[in-house]
Amino acid sequence: MRLRVRTDEGAQSIVDLDDGATVGDLARAIALATSVSEREQELRVGFPARLVDTNDGSASLDSLGVRSGETIAVRRVLNVIAVGGNARATPDGGTLREDLASMDEDEALARALARSMEESGAAATSTSVRSNATHAIRRVIESDNSCLFNAVAYCAERSLREAPRLRRVVAEAVAREADTFNEAFLGKPPKEYIEWITRPNTWGGQVELYILASHYRVEIAAYDIQTERCDVYGEGEGYDDRIMVIYDGLHYDAIVLNPSPAGTDASKDVTRVPAGASLPSVAALVRQQHAAKKYTDTANFSLRCLVCQQGLVGQTEAVAHAKSTGHANFGEY
């Protein structure tokens, strides 16, 4: 079995495995061929890309539908931990509140830090300081078809378990505000849309961001890596805070601020900034991701049908081919 491996950092390689290879065999081969260790790997295959279940390392690749000649997309996943509202201890034994009090930070970011901690009692003491004390980080969210909901929930309430509830929030808003959320707005009849969005495998997009901004009463700044465009949902509504997400053509991640340029300690993530904030570090992050081509051009990427081997260009041709032939297994090439 020969597989093409492509990491989200742009590296490409070929791995050769026995015909009866397991998920564990694949993970070890990828770790040897790339800089992504086994515990950091999130693997996806085919088009539309589907997640490879790596929980059982003894499972055969054949049983998971992975065939020779396919491309394995490898995403380096950093562990993101949902953080509660209490003060968190820092390595030197202090609390995050005490740690922040000694940081150099400008007024807007200091206010964001205090709000992000969501602690009871008095706000953290802040001092005016260096503008580069906080770094913009792309916090990876699991690719489970609910990445938009989980990215927004992580930024809004520091949780990664709200997707089912937020799908219901969106559905209820559509049902409640029929005049606003009509067929022209939704792209399909409201009743059909409600049934569709509540499915766990349905991807969210602009409509859902619009509704969730209202639900959380925050601005949601959504950055598109390919175009470097930023659309702000909830802008002009008088909300106090802004949260940020980033989109690569197929997937949403969260954008956070962190005292460390590596962002290794997720407990120090700042997930809210003042409404209307325009942060140079975030703009620089989006530019860097664009320059590194960390996006998928779904309109123009080259595909082949792994059933009949027909060459296709872009998502539109792939969808049309699937509808006309019933074939639903594609790979990039």
C-alpha atoms as a PDB file:
ATOM      1  CA  MET A   1       0.000   0.000   0.000  1.00  0.00           C
ATOM      2  CA  ARG A   2       1.452   3.340  -1.060  1.00  0.00           C
ATOM      3  CA  LEU A   3       0.015   6.550   0.393  1.00  0.00           C
ATOM      4  CA  ARG A   4       0.796  10.188  -0.194  1.00  0.00           C
ATOM      5  CA  VAL A   5       1.172  12.192   3.017  1.00  0.00           C
ATOM      6  CA  ARG A   6       0.701  15.945   3.167  1.00  0.00           C
ATOM      7  CA  THR A   7       1.023  17.938   6.388  1.00  0.00           C
ATOM      8  CA  ASP A   8      -0.700  21.228   7.157  1.00  0.00           C
ATOM      9  CA  GLU A   9       2.784  22.754   7.203  1.00  0.00           C
ATOM     10  CA  GLY A  10       3.200  22.030   3.486  1.00  0.00           C
ATOM     11  CA  ALA A  11       5.522  19.004   3.663  1.00  0.00           C
ATOM     12  CA  GLN A  12       4.777  16.080   1.339  1.00  0.00           C
ATOM     13  CA  SER A  13       6.096  12.530   1.310  1.00  0.00           C
ATOM     14  CA  ILE A  14       5.255   8.983   0.268  1.00  0.00           C
ATOM     15  CA  VAL A  15       4.897   6.116   2.736  1.00  0.00           C
ATOM     16  CA  ASP A  16       4.848   2.418   1.787  1.00  0.00           C
ATOM     17  CA  LEU A  17       2.971   0.006   4.034  1.00  0.00           C
ATOM     18  CA  ASP A  18       1.989  -3.647   3.949  1.00  0.00           C
ATOM     19  CA  ASP A  19      -1.437  -4.421   2.528  1.00  0.00           C
ATOM     20  CA  GLY A  20      -2.707  -5.367   5.987  1.00  0.00           C
ATOM     21  CA  ALA A  21      -1.316  -2.243   7.681  1.00  0.00           C
ATOM     22  CA  THR A  22      -3.047  -0.827  10.737  1.00  0.00           C
ATOM     23  CA  VAL A  23      -3.767   2.692  11.915  1.00  0.00           C
ATOM     24  CA  GLY A  24      -0.845   2.377  14.314  1.00  0.00           C
ATOM     25  CA  ASP A  25       1.468   1.377  11.443  1.00  0.00           C
ATOM     26  CA  LEU A  26       0.355   4.442   9.493  1.00  0.00           C
ATOM     27  CA  ALA A  27       0.824   6.789  12.461  1.00  0.00           C
ATOM     28  CA  ARG A  28       4.347   5.483  13.059  1.00  0.00           C
ATOM     29  CA  ALA A  29       5.250   5.792   9.372  1.00  0.00           C
ATOM     30  CA  ILE A  30       3.969   9.366   9.286  1.00  0.00           C
ATOM     31  CA  ALA A  31       5.945  10.235  12.432  1.00  0.00           C
ATOM     32  CA  LEU A  32       9.114   8.922  10.753  1.00  0.00           C
ATOM     33  CA  ALA A  33       8.405  10.737   7.478  1.00  0.00           C
ATOM     34  CA  THR A  34       7.358  14.056   8.988  1.00  0.00           C
ATOM     35  CA  SER A  35       7.933  16.191  12.082  1.00  0.00           C
ATOM     36  CA  VAL A  36       4.458  15.347  13.438  1.00  0.00           C
ATOM     37  CA  SER A  37       4.600  12.888  16.341  1.00  0.00           C
ATOM     38  CA  GLU A  38       1.978  10.159  16.738  1.00  0.00           C
ATOM     39  CA  ARG A  39       0.203  11.927  19.613  1.00  0.00           C
ATOM     40  CA  GLU A  40      -0.090  15.163  17.599  1.00  0.00           C
ATOM     41  CA  GLN A  41      -1.589  13.612  14.463  1.00  0.00           C
ATOM     42  CA  GLU A  42      -5.076  14.189  13.152  1.00  0.00           C
ATOM     43  CA  LEU A  43      -5.532  12.266   9.911  1.00  0.00           C
ATOM     44  CA  ARG A  44      -8.067  12.862   7.163  1.00  0.00           C
ATOM     45  CA  VAL A  45      -8.530  11.111   3.840  1.00  0.00           C
ATOM     46  CA  GLY A  46     -10.627  11.488   0.681  1.00  0.00           C
ATOM     47  CA  PHE A  47     -12.896  14.240  -0.552  1.00  0.00           C
ATOM     48  CA  PRO A  48     -14.950  15.412   1.097  1.00  0.00           C
ATOM     49  CA  ALA A  49     -12.239  14.870   3.690  1.00  0.00           C
ATOM     50  CA  ARG A  50     -13.232  12.419   6.406  1.00  0.00           C
ATOM     51  CA  LEU A  51     -11.542  11.889   9.742  1.00  0.00           C
ATOM     52  CA  VAL A  52      -9.568   8.678  10.220  1.00  0.00           C
ATOM     53  CA  ASP A  53     -10.398   7.170  13.611  1.00  0.00           C
ATOM     54  CA  THR A  54      -6.997   6.749  15.274  1.00  0.00           C
ATOM     55  CA  ASN A  55      -8.312   5.674  18.689  1.00  0.00           C
ATOM     56  CA  ASP A  56      -7.808   1.982  17.886  1.00  0.00           C
ATOM     57  CA  GLY A  57      -4.274   1.588  16.601  1.00  0.00           C
ATOM     58  CA  SER A  58      -4.872  -2.074  15.759  1.00  0.00           C
ATOM     59  CA  ALA A  59      -7.688  -1.331  13.305  1.00  0.00           C
ATOM     60  CA  SER A  60      -6.788  -2.120   9.713  1.00  0.00           C
ATOM     61  CA  LEU A  61      -6.632   0.733   7.230  1.00  0.00           C
ATOM     62  CA  ASP A  62      -8.722  -1.348   4.843  1.00  0.00           C
ATOM     63  CA  SER A  63     -11.552  -1.561   7.400  1.00  0.00           C
ATOM     64  CA  LEU A  64     -11.548   2.243   7.646  1.00  0.00           C
ATOM     65  CA  GLY A  65     -11.786   2.680   3.884  1.00  0.00           C
ATOM     66  CA  VAL A  66      -8.188   3.827   3.332  1.00  0.00           C
ATOM     67  CA  ARG A  67      -6.976   2.580  -0.042  1.00  0.00           C
ATOM     68  CA  SER A  68      -3.625   2.557  -1.774  1.00  0.00           C
ATOM     69  CA  GLY A  69      -2.993   5.710  -3.801  1.00  0.00           C
ATOM     70  CA  GLU A  70      -4.950   8.026  -1.528  1.00  0.00           C
ATOM     71  CA  THR A  71      -3.663  11.211   0.098  1.00  0.00           C
ATOM     72  CA  ILE A  72      -3.518  11.394   3.874  1.00  0.00           C
ATOM     73  CA  ALA A  73      -3.838  14.947   5.165  1.00  0.00           C
ATOM     74  CA  VAL A  74      -1.964  15.287   8.456  1.00  0.00           C
ATOM     75  CA  ARG A  75      -2.914  18.091  10.804  1.00  0.00           C
ATOM     76  CA  ARG A  76      -0.766  18.872  13.818  1.00  0.00           C
ATOM     77  CA  VAL A  77      -3.203  19.178  16.706  1.00  0.00           C
ATOM     78  CA  LEU A  78      -2.326  21.019  19.883  1.00  0.00           C
ATOM     79  CA  ASN A  79      -4.328  19.978  22.907  1.00  0.00           C
ATOM     80  CA  VAL A  80      -6.847  22.674  23.817  1.00  0.00           C
ATOM     81  CA  ILE A  81      -8.311  22.453  27.298  1.00  0.00           C
ATOM     82  CA  ALA A  82     -11.626  24.010  28.300  1.00  0.00           C
ATOM     83  CA  VAL A  83     -10.808  26.319  31.210  1.00  0.00           C
ATOM     84  CA  GLY A  84     -13.081  27.003  34.143  1.00  0.00           C
ATOM     85  CA  GLY A  85     -13.625  30.268  35.973  1.00  0.00           C
ATOM     86  CA  ASN A  86     -11.226  29.901  38.882  1.00  0.00           C
ATOM     87  CA  ALA A  87      -7.714  31.304  39.137  1.00  0.00           C
ATOM     88  CA  ARG A  88      -5.189  28.890  37.618  1.00  0.00           C
ATOM     89  CA  ALA A  89      -1.815  28.194  39.167  1.00  0.00           C
ATOM     90  CA  THR A  90       1.294  29.161  37.227  1.00  0.00           C
ATOM     91  CA  PRO A  91       4.510  27.110  37.303  1.00  0.00           C
ATOM     92  CA  ASP A  92       6.090  29.330  39.966  1.00  0.00           C
ATOM     93  CA  GLY A  93       3.139  28.769  42.320  1.00  0.00           C
ATOM     94  CA  GLY A  94       1.369  32.069  41.693  1.00  0.00           C
ATOM     95  CA  THR A  95      -1.995  32.562  40.019  1.00  0.00           C
ATOM     96  CA  LEU A  96      -2.704  33.718  36.519  1.00  0.00           C
ATOM     97  CA  ARG A  97      -4.152  36.904  37.981  1.00  0.00           C
ATOM     98  CA  GLU A  98      -0.868  37.652  39.771  1.00  0.00           C
ATOM     99  CA  ASP A  99       1.092  36.708  36.676  1.00  0.00           C
ATOM    100  CA  LEU A 100      -0.912  39.098  34.496  1.00  0.00           C
ATOM    101  CA  ALA A 101      -0.529  41.922  36.991  1.00  0.00           C
ATOM    102  CA  SER A 102       3.199  41.922  36.308  1.00  0.00           C
ATOM    103  CA  MET A 103       2.865  41.794  32.520  1.00  0.00           C
ATOM    104  CA  ASP A 104       3.430  44.731  30.244  1.00  0.00           C
ATOM    105  CA  GLU A 105       0.253  45.159  28.239  1.00  0.00           C
ATOM    106  CA  ASP A 106      -1.619  48.012  26.637  1.00  0.00           C
ATOM    107  CA  GLU A 107      -4.970  49.020  28.135  1.00  0.00           C
ATOM    108  CA  ALA A 108      -7.209  47.277  25.614  1.00  0.00           C
ATOM    109  CA  LEU A 109      -5.430  43.932  25.884  1.00  0.00           C
ATOM    110  CA  ALA A 110      -5.221  44.166  29.673  1.00  0.00           C
ATOM    111  CA  ARG A 111      -9.003  44.603  29.756  1.00  0.00           C
ATOM    112  CA  ALA A 112      -9.359  41.597  27.480  1.00  0.00           C
ATOM    113  CA  LEU A 113      -7.104  39.523  29.735  1.00  0.00           C
ATOM    114  CA  ALA A 114      -9.134  40.367  32.804  1.00  0.00           C
ATOM    115  CA  ARG A 115     -12.425  39.531  31.083  1.00  0.00           C
ATOM    116  CA  SER A 116     -11.066  36.334  29.590  1.00  0.00           C
ATOM    117  CA  MET A 117     -10.214  34.929  33.000  1.00  0.00           C
ATOM    118  CA  GLU A 118     -13.905  35.178  33.973  1.00  0.00           C
ATOM    119  CA  GLU A 119     -13.084  35.152  37.680  1.00  0.00           C
ATOM    120  CA  SER A 120     -15.369  36.424  40.402  1.00  0.00           C
ATOM    121  CA  GLY A 121     -14.298  39.415  42.462  1.00  0.00           C
ATOM    122  CA  ALA A 122     -12.282  42.459  41.495  1.00  0.00           C
ATOM    123  CA  ALA A 123     -10.754  42.806  38.062  1.00  0.00           C
ATOM    124  CA  ALA A 124      -7.051  42.142  37.634  1.00  0.00           C
ATOM    125  CA  THR A 125      -4.637  45.005  38.143  1.00  0.00           C
ATOM    126  CA  SER A 126      -3.180  46.133  34.839  1.00  0.00           C
ATOM    127  CA  THR A 127      -0.299  48.275  33.760  1.00  0.00           C
ATOM    128  CA  SER A 128       0.396  49.941  30.428  1.00  0.00           C
ATOM    129  CA  VAL A 129       3.237  48.162  28.675  1.00  0.00           C
ATOM    130  CA  ARG A 130       4.797  46.660  25.556  1.00  0.00           C
ATOM    131  CA  SER A 131       2.514  46.259  22.543  1.00  0.00           C
ATOM    132  CA  ASN A 132       4.126  42.939  21.607  1.00  0.00           C
ATOM    133  CA  ALA A 133       3.570  41.262  24.991  1.00  0.00           C
ATOM    134  CA  THR A 134       0.671  39.199  23.632  1.00  0.00           C
ATOM    135  CA  HIS A 135       0.861  36.979  20.568  1.00  0.00           C
ATOM    136  CA  ALA A 136      -1.868  35.900  18.161  1.00  0.00           C
ATOM    137  CA  ILE A 137      -2.211  32.113  18.064  1.00  0.00           C
ATOM    138  CA  ARG A 138      -4.219  29.838  15.770  1.00  0.00           C
ATOM    139  CA  ARG A 139      -5.718  27.390  18.269  1.00  0.00           C
ATOM    140  CA  VAL A 140      -6.508  24.145  16.451  1.00  0.00           C
ATOM    141  CA  ILE A 141     -10.045  22.812  16.853  1.00  0.00           C
ATOM    142  CA  GLU A 142     -10.894  19.180  16.150  1.00  0.00           C
ATOM    143  CA  SER A 143     -12.130  18.414  12.645  1.00  0.00           C
ATOM    144  CA  ASP A 144     -15.386  16.723  13.620  1.00  0.00           C
ATOM    145  CA  ASN A 145     -17.821  18.563  11.316  1.00  0.00           C
ATOM    146  CA  SER A 146     -18.633  20.969  14.185  1.00  0.00           C
ATOM    147  CA  CYS A 147     -15.446  23.026  14.060  1.00  0.00           C
ATOM    148  CA  LEU A 148     -17.255  26.349  13.568  1.00  0.00           C
ATOM    149  CA  PHE A 149     -19.476  25.773  16.604  1.00  0.00           C
ATOM    150  CA  ASN A 150     -16.590  24.582  18.768  1.00  0.00           C
ATOM    151  CA  ALA A 151     -14.278  27.416  17.690  1.00  0.00           C
ATOM    152  CA  VAL A 152     -16.924  29.995  18.553  1.00  0.00           C
ATOM    153  CA  ALA A 153     -17.793  28.301  21.859  1.00  0.00           C
ATOM    154  CA  TYR A 154     -14.136  28.069  22.840  1.00  0.00           C
ATOM    155  CA  CYS A 155     -13.720  31.798  22.321  1.00  0.00           C
ATOM    156  CA  ALA A 156     -17.066  32.755  23.849  1.00  0.00           C
ATOM    157  CA  GLU A 157     -17.237  30.461  26.862  1.00  0.00           C
ATOM    158  CA  ARG A 158     -14.048  28.396  26.965  1.00  0.00           C
ATOM    159  CA  SER A 159     -15.802  25.139  26.162  1.00  0.00           C
ATOM    160  CA  LEU A 160     -15.398  22.570  23.407  1.00  0.00           C
ATOM    161  CA  ARG A 161     -18.608  20.694  24.135  1.00  0.00           C
ATOM    162  CA  GLU A 162     -21.327  23.114  23.039  1.00  0.00           C
ATOM    163  CA  ALA A 163     -21.853  22.143  19.390  1.00  0.00           C
ATOM    164  CA  PRO A 164     -25.146  20.224  19.866  1.00  0.00           C
ATOM    165  CA  ARG A 165     -26.593  23.052  21.972  1.00  0.00           C
ATOM    166  CA  LEU A 166     -25.451  25.736  19.537  1.00  0.00           C
ATOM    167  CA  ARG A 167     -26.982  23.867  16.622  1.00  0.00           C
ATOM    168  CA  ARG A 168     -30.283  24.018  18.511  1.00  0.00           C
ATOM    169  CA  VAL A 169     -29.750  27.723  19.215  1.00  0.00           C
ATOM    170  CA  VAL A 170     -29.387  28.347  15.478  1.00  0.00           C
ATOM    171  CA  ALA A 171     -32.409  26.192  14.621  1.00  0.00           C
ATOM    172  CA  GLU A 172     -34.575  27.944  17.214  1.00  0.00           C
ATOM    173  CA  ALA A 173     -33.543  31.383  15.949  1.00  0.00           C
ATOM    174  CA  VAL A 174     -34.542  30.427  12.415  1.00  0.00           C
ATOM    175  CA  ALA A 175     -37.899  29.091  13.597  1.00  0.00           C
ATOM    176  CA  ARG A 176     -38.521  32.137  15.797  1.00  0.00           C
ATOM    177  CA  GLU A 177     -37.595  34.832  13.270  1.00  0.00           C
ATOM    178  CA  ALA A 178     -39.237  33.574  10.112  1.00  0.00           C
ATOM    179  CA  ASP A 179     -39.328  37.013   8.481  1.00  0.00           C
ATOM    180  CA  THR A 180     -35.562  37.430   8.777  1.00  0.00           C
ATOM    181  CA  PHE A 181     -34.461  33.860   8.140  1.00  0.00           C
ATOM    182  CA  ASN A 182     -36.425  33.125   4.996  1.00  0.00           C
ATOM    183  CA  GLU A 183     -35.492  30.912   2.069  1.00  0.00           C
ATOM    184  CA  ALA A 184     -33.577  33.703   0.336  1.00  0.00           C
ATOM    185  CA  PHE A 185     -31.421  34.245   3.438  1.00  0.00           C
ATOM    186  CA  LEU A 186     -30.845  30.561   4.189  1.00  0.00           C
ATOM    187  CA  GLY A 187     -30.485  29.195   0.669  1.00  0.00           C
ATOM    188  CA  LYS A 188     -33.147  26.559   1.378  1.00  0.00           C
ATOM    189  CA  PRO A 189     -36.638  26.447   2.915  1.00  0.00           C
ATOM    190  CA  PRO A 190     -36.511  27.175   6.681  1.00  0.00           C
ATOM    191  CA  LYS A 191     -38.024  23.816   7.649  1.00  0.00           C
ATOM    192  CA  GLU A 192     -35.453  21.990   5.532  1.00  0.00           C
ATOM    193  CA  TYR A 193     -32.659  24.168   6.916  1.00  0.00           C
ATOM    194  CA  ILE A 194     -33.671  23.448  10.544  1.00  0.00           C
ATOM    195  CA  GLU A 195     -33.568  19.704   9.934  1.00  0.00           C
ATOM    196  CA  TRP A 196     -30.245  20.074   8.129  1.00  0.00           C
ATOM    197  CA  ILE A 197     -28.357  22.237  10.659  1.00  0.00           C
ATOM    198  CA  THR A 198     -29.262  20.020  13.612  1.00  0.00           C
ATOM    199  CA  ARG A 199     -27.470  17.038  12.056  1.00  0.00           C
ATOM    200  CA  PRO A 200     -24.080  16.494  13.753  1.00  0.00           C
ATOM    201  CA  ASN A 201     -22.223  16.147  10.435  1.00  0.00           C
ATOM    202  CA  THR A 202     -23.448  19.431   8.883  1.00  0.00           C
ATOM    203  CA  TRP A 203     -20.854  22.188   8.484  1.00  0.00           C
ATOM    204  CA  GLY A 204     -21.584  25.723   9.672  1.00  0.00           C
ATOM    205  CA  GLY A 205     -20.859  28.950   7.803  1.00  0.00           C
ATOM    206  CA  GLN A 206     -21.987  32.546   7.440  1.00  0.00           C
ATOM    207  CA  VAL A 207     -25.600  32.076   8.540  1.00  0.00           C
ATOM    208  CA  GLU A 208     -24.512  30.351  11.732  1.00  0.00           C
ATOM    209  CA  LEU A 209     -21.892  33.015  12.528  1.00  0.00           C
ATOM    210  CA  TYR A 210     -24.552  35.708  12.080  1.00  0.00           C
ATOM    211  CA  ILE A 211     -26.894  33.983  14.533  1.00  0.00           C
ATOM    212  CA  LEU A 212     -24.216  33.058  17.072  1.00  0.00           C
ATOM    213  CA  ALA A 213     -22.965  36.657  17.231  1.00  0.00           C
ATOM    214  CA  SER A 214     -26.443  37.666  18.343  1.00  0.00           C
ATOM    215  CA  HIS A 215     -26.728  34.720  20.741  1.00  0.00           C
ATOM    216  CA  TYR A 216     -23.474  35.508  22.549  1.00  0.00           C
ATOM    217  CA  ARG A 217     -23.828  39.290  22.101  1.00  0.00           C
ATOM    218  CA  VAL A 218     -20.303  39.553  20.708  1.00  0.00           C
ATOM    219  CA  GLU A 219     -18.744  40.564  17.444  1.00  0.00           C
ATOM    220  CA  ILE A 220     -17.350  37.538  15.613  1.00  0.00           C
ATOM    221  CA  ALA A 221     -14.433  38.434  13.355  1.00  0.00           C
ATOM    222  CA  ALA A 222     -14.018  35.650  10.774  1.00  0.00           C
ATOM    223  CA  TYR A 223     -10.723  35.687   8.865  1.00  0.00           C
ATOM    224  CA  ASP A 224     -10.388  33.863   5.519  1.00  0.00           C
ATOM    225  CA  ILE A 225      -6.811  32.676   4.974  1.00  0.00           C
ATOM    226  CA  GLN A 226      -7.016  32.448   1.182  1.00  0.00           C
ATOM    227  CA  THR A 227      -8.314  35.995   0.619  1.00  0.00           C
ATOM    228  CA  GLU A 228      -7.061  37.533   3.925  1.00  0.00           C
ATOM    229  CA  ARG A 229     -10.523  39.042   4.214  1.00  0.00           C
ATOM    230  CA  CYS A 230     -12.173  39.658   7.584  1.00  0.00           C
ATOM    231  CA  ASP A 231     -15.966  39.630   7.924  1.00  0.00           C
ATOM    232  CA  VAL A 232     -17.322  40.881  11.252  1.00  0.00           C
ATOM    233  CA  TYR A 233     -20.696  39.509  12.359  1.00  0.00           C
ATOM    234  CA  GLY A 234     -22.566  41.595  14.943  1.00  0.00           C
ATOM    235  CA  GLU A 235     -20.622  44.740  14.086  1.00  0.00           C
ATOM    236  CA  GLY A 236     -22.469  47.931  14.984  1.00  0.00           C
ATOM    237  CA  GLU A 237     -24.815  46.184  17.436  1.00  0.00           C
ATOM    238  CA  GLY A 238     -23.261  47.799  20.507  1.00  0.00           C
ATOM    239  CA  TYR A 239     -21.619  44.647  21.862  1.00  0.00           C
ATOM    240  CA  ASP A 240     -18.666  45.057  24.248  1.00  0.00           C
ATOM    241  CA  ASP A 241     -16.488  42.173  23.061  1.00  0.00           C
ATOM    242  CA  ARG A 242     -15.073  40.602  19.924  1.00  0.00           C
ATOM    243  CA  ILE A 243     -14.008  36.992  19.383  1.00  0.00           C
ATOM    244  CA  MET A 244     -12.036  35.730  16.394  1.00  0.00           C
ATOM    245  CA  VAL A 245     -12.049  32.626  14.183  1.00  0.00           C
ATOM    246  CA  ILE A 246     -10.009  31.692  11.114  1.00  0.00           C
ATOM    247  CA  TYR A 247     -11.118  29.694   8.056  1.00  0.00           C
ATOM    248  CA  ASP A 248      -8.935  27.684   5.658  1.00  0.00           C
ATOM    249  CA  GLY A 249     -11.566  26.837   3.040  1.00  0.00           C
ATOM    250  CA  LEU A 250     -12.724  23.665   4.779  1.00  0.00           C
ATOM    251  CA  HIS A 251     -12.193  24.200   8.498  1.00  0.00           C
ATOM    252  CA  TYR A 252     -12.565  26.788  11.270  1.00  0.00           C
ATOM    253  CA  ASP A 253     -10.075  27.286  14.103  1.00  0.00           C
ATOM    254  CA  ALA A 254     -10.056  29.814  16.941  1.00  0.00           C
ATOM    255  CA  ILE A 255      -7.749  32.821  17.118  1.00  0.00           C
ATOM    256  CA  VAL A 256      -6.600  33.644  20.637  1.00  0.00           C
ATOM    257  CA  LEU A 257      -4.006  35.856  22.262  1.00  0.00           C
ATOM    258  CA  ASN A 258      -1.373  34.315  24.510  1.00  0.00           C
ATOM    259  CA  PRO A 259       1.622  35.671  26.431  1.00  0.00           C
ATOM    260  CA  SER A 260       3.858  33.053  24.792  1.00  0.00           C
ATOM    261  CA  PRO A 261       4.730  33.126  21.075  1.00  0.00           C
ATOM    262  CA  ALA A 262       4.379  29.316  21.065  1.00  0.00           C
ATOM    263  CA  GLY A 263       1.028  29.422  22.861  1.00  0.00           C
ATOM    264  CA  THR A 264       1.820  26.166  24.640  1.00  0.00           C
ATOM    265  CA  ASP A 265      -0.182  27.004  27.791  1.00  0.00           C
ATOM    266  CA  ALA A 266      -3.801  27.164  26.643  1.00  0.00           C
ATOM    267  CA  SER A 267      -4.925  28.148  30.145  1.00  0.00           C
ATOM    268  CA  LYS A 268      -3.507  31.615  29.417  1.00  0.00           C
ATOM    269  CA  ASP A 269      -5.441  32.076  26.195  1.00  0.00           C
ATOM    270  CA  VAL A 270      -7.209  35.420  25.815  1.00  0.00           C
ATOM    271  CA  THR A 271     -10.323  34.641  23.815  1.00  0.00           C
ATOM    272  CA  ARG A 272     -12.124  38.005  23.972  1.00  0.00           C
ATOM    273  CA  VAL A 273     -10.908  41.445  22.944  1.00  0.00           C
ATOM    274  CA  PRO A 274     -12.762  44.770  22.936  1.00  0.00           C
ATOM    275  CA  ALA A 275     -15.348  45.229  20.176  1.00  0.00           C
ATOM    276  CA  GLY A 276     -13.886  46.981  17.160  1.00  0.00           C
ATOM    277  CA  ALA A 277     -10.330  45.983  18.080  1.00  0.00           C
ATOM    278  CA  SER A 278      -7.958  45.797  15.129  1.00  0.00           C
ATOM    279  CA  LEU A 279      -4.855  43.956  16.320  1.00  0.00           C
ATOM    280  CA  PRO A 280      -1.655  44.001  14.213  1.00  0.00           C
ATOM    281  CA  SER A 281      -0.608  40.613  15.600  1.00  0.00           C
ATOM    282  CA  VAL A 282      -3.807  39.007  14.288  1.00  0.00           C
ATOM    283  CA  ALA A 283      -3.414  40.605  10.860  1.00  0.00           C
ATOM    284  CA  ALA A 284       0.184  39.350  10.801  1.00  0.00           C
ATOM    285  CA  LEU A 285      -0.954  35.826  11.699  1.00  0.00           C
ATOM    286  CA  VAL A 286      -3.444  35.767   8.822  1.00  0.00           C
ATOM    287  CA  ARG A 287      -0.781  37.066   6.396  1.00  0.00           C
ATOM    288  CA  GLN A 288       1.644  34.402   7.573  1.00  0.00           C
ATOM    289  CA  GLN A 289      -0.919  31.620   7.151  1.00  0.00           C
ATOM    290  CA  HIS A 290      -1.749  32.901   3.656  1.00  0.00           C
ATOM    291  CA  ALA A 291       1.919  33.091   2.642  1.00  0.00           C
ATOM    292  CA  ALA A 292       2.416  29.522   3.871  1.00  0.00           C
ATOM    293  CA  LYS A 293      -0.623  28.452   1.780  1.00  0.00           C
ATOM    294  CA  LYS A 294      -2.426  27.027   4.820  1.00  0.00           C
ATOM    295  CA  TYR A 295      -5.699  26.993   2.933  1.00  0.00           C
ATOM    296  CA  THR A 296      -7.581  24.827   0.442  1.00  0.00           C
ATOM    297  CA  ASP A 297      -8.799  26.420  -2.765  1.00  0.00           C
ATOM    298  CA  THR A 298     -12.025  24.436  -3.028  1.00  0.00           C
ATOM    299  CA  ALA A 299     -12.931  26.089  -6.345  1.00  0.00           C
ATOM    300  CA  ASN A 300      -9.766  25.136  -8.203  1.00  0.00           C
ATOM    301  CA  PHE A 301      -7.968  22.216  -6.547  1.00  0.00           C
ATOM    302  CA  SER A 302      -7.369  19.112  -8.649  1.00  0.00           C
ATOM    303  CA  LEU A 303      -9.141  15.897  -7.711  1.00  0.00           C
ATOM    304  CA  ARG A 304      -9.579  12.439  -9.097  1.00  0.00           C
ATOM    305  CA  CYS A 305     -12.395  10.025  -8.464  1.00  0.00           C
ATOM    306  CA  LEU A 306     -10.854   7.011  -6.737  1.00  0.00           C
ATOM    307  CA  VAL A 307     -13.680   4.822  -8.064  1.00  0.00           C
ATOM    308  CA  CYS A 308     -13.459   5.536 -11.805  1.00  0.00           C
ATOM    309  CA  GLN A 309     -10.212   7.591 -11.864  1.00  0.00           C
ATOM    310  CA  GLN A 310     -11.821  10.565 -13.647  1.00  0.00           C
ATOM    311  CA  GLY A 311      -9.990  13.862 -13.180  1.00  0.00           C
ATOM    312  CA  LEU A 312     -12.007  16.738 -11.708  1.00  0.00           C
ATOM    313  CA  VAL A 313     -11.416  20.369 -10.799  1.00  0.00           C
ATOM    314  CA  GLY A 314     -12.883  21.870  -7.659  1.00  0.00           C
ATOM    315  CA  GLN A 315     -15.716  21.100  -5.310  1.00  0.00           C
ATOM    316  CA  THR A 316     -18.429  21.926  -7.851  1.00  0.00           C
ATOM    317  CA  GLU A 317     -17.267  19.283 -10.337  1.00  0.00           C
ATOM    318  CA  ALA A 318     -16.782  16.746  -7.541  1.00  0.00           C
ATOM    319  CA  VAL A 319     -20.318  17.252  -6.251  1.00  0.00           C
ATOM    320  CA  ALA A 320     -21.763  17.027  -9.779  1.00  0.00           C
ATOM    321  CA  HIS A 321     -19.786  13.847 -10.443  1.00  0.00           C
ATOM    322  CA  ALA A 322     -20.973  12.296  -7.181  1.00  0.00           C
ATOM    323  CA  LYS A 323     -24.606  13.070  -7.992  1.00  0.00           C
ATOM    324  CA  SER A 324     -24.409  11.664 -11.524  1.00  0.00           C
ATOM    325  CA  THR A 325     -22.409   8.519 -10.737  1.00  0.00           C
ATOM    326  CA  GLY A 326     -22.954   7.780  -7.060  1.00  0.00           C
ATOM    327  CA  HIS A 327     -19.170   7.809  -6.555  1.00  0.00           C
ATOM    328  CA  ALA A 328     -18.164   9.527  -3.333  1.00  0.00           C
ATOM    329  CA  ASN A 329     -14.482   8.762  -2.837  1.00  0.00           C
ATOM    330  CA  PHE A 330     -12.095  11.428  -4.092  1.00  0.00           C
ATOM    331  CA  GLY A 331      -8.438  12.262  -3.615  1.00  0.00           C
ATOM    332  CA  GLU A 332      -6.327  15.311  -4.343  1.00  0.00           C
ATOM    333  CA  TYR A 333      -3.545  15.058  -6.872  1.00  0.00           C
END
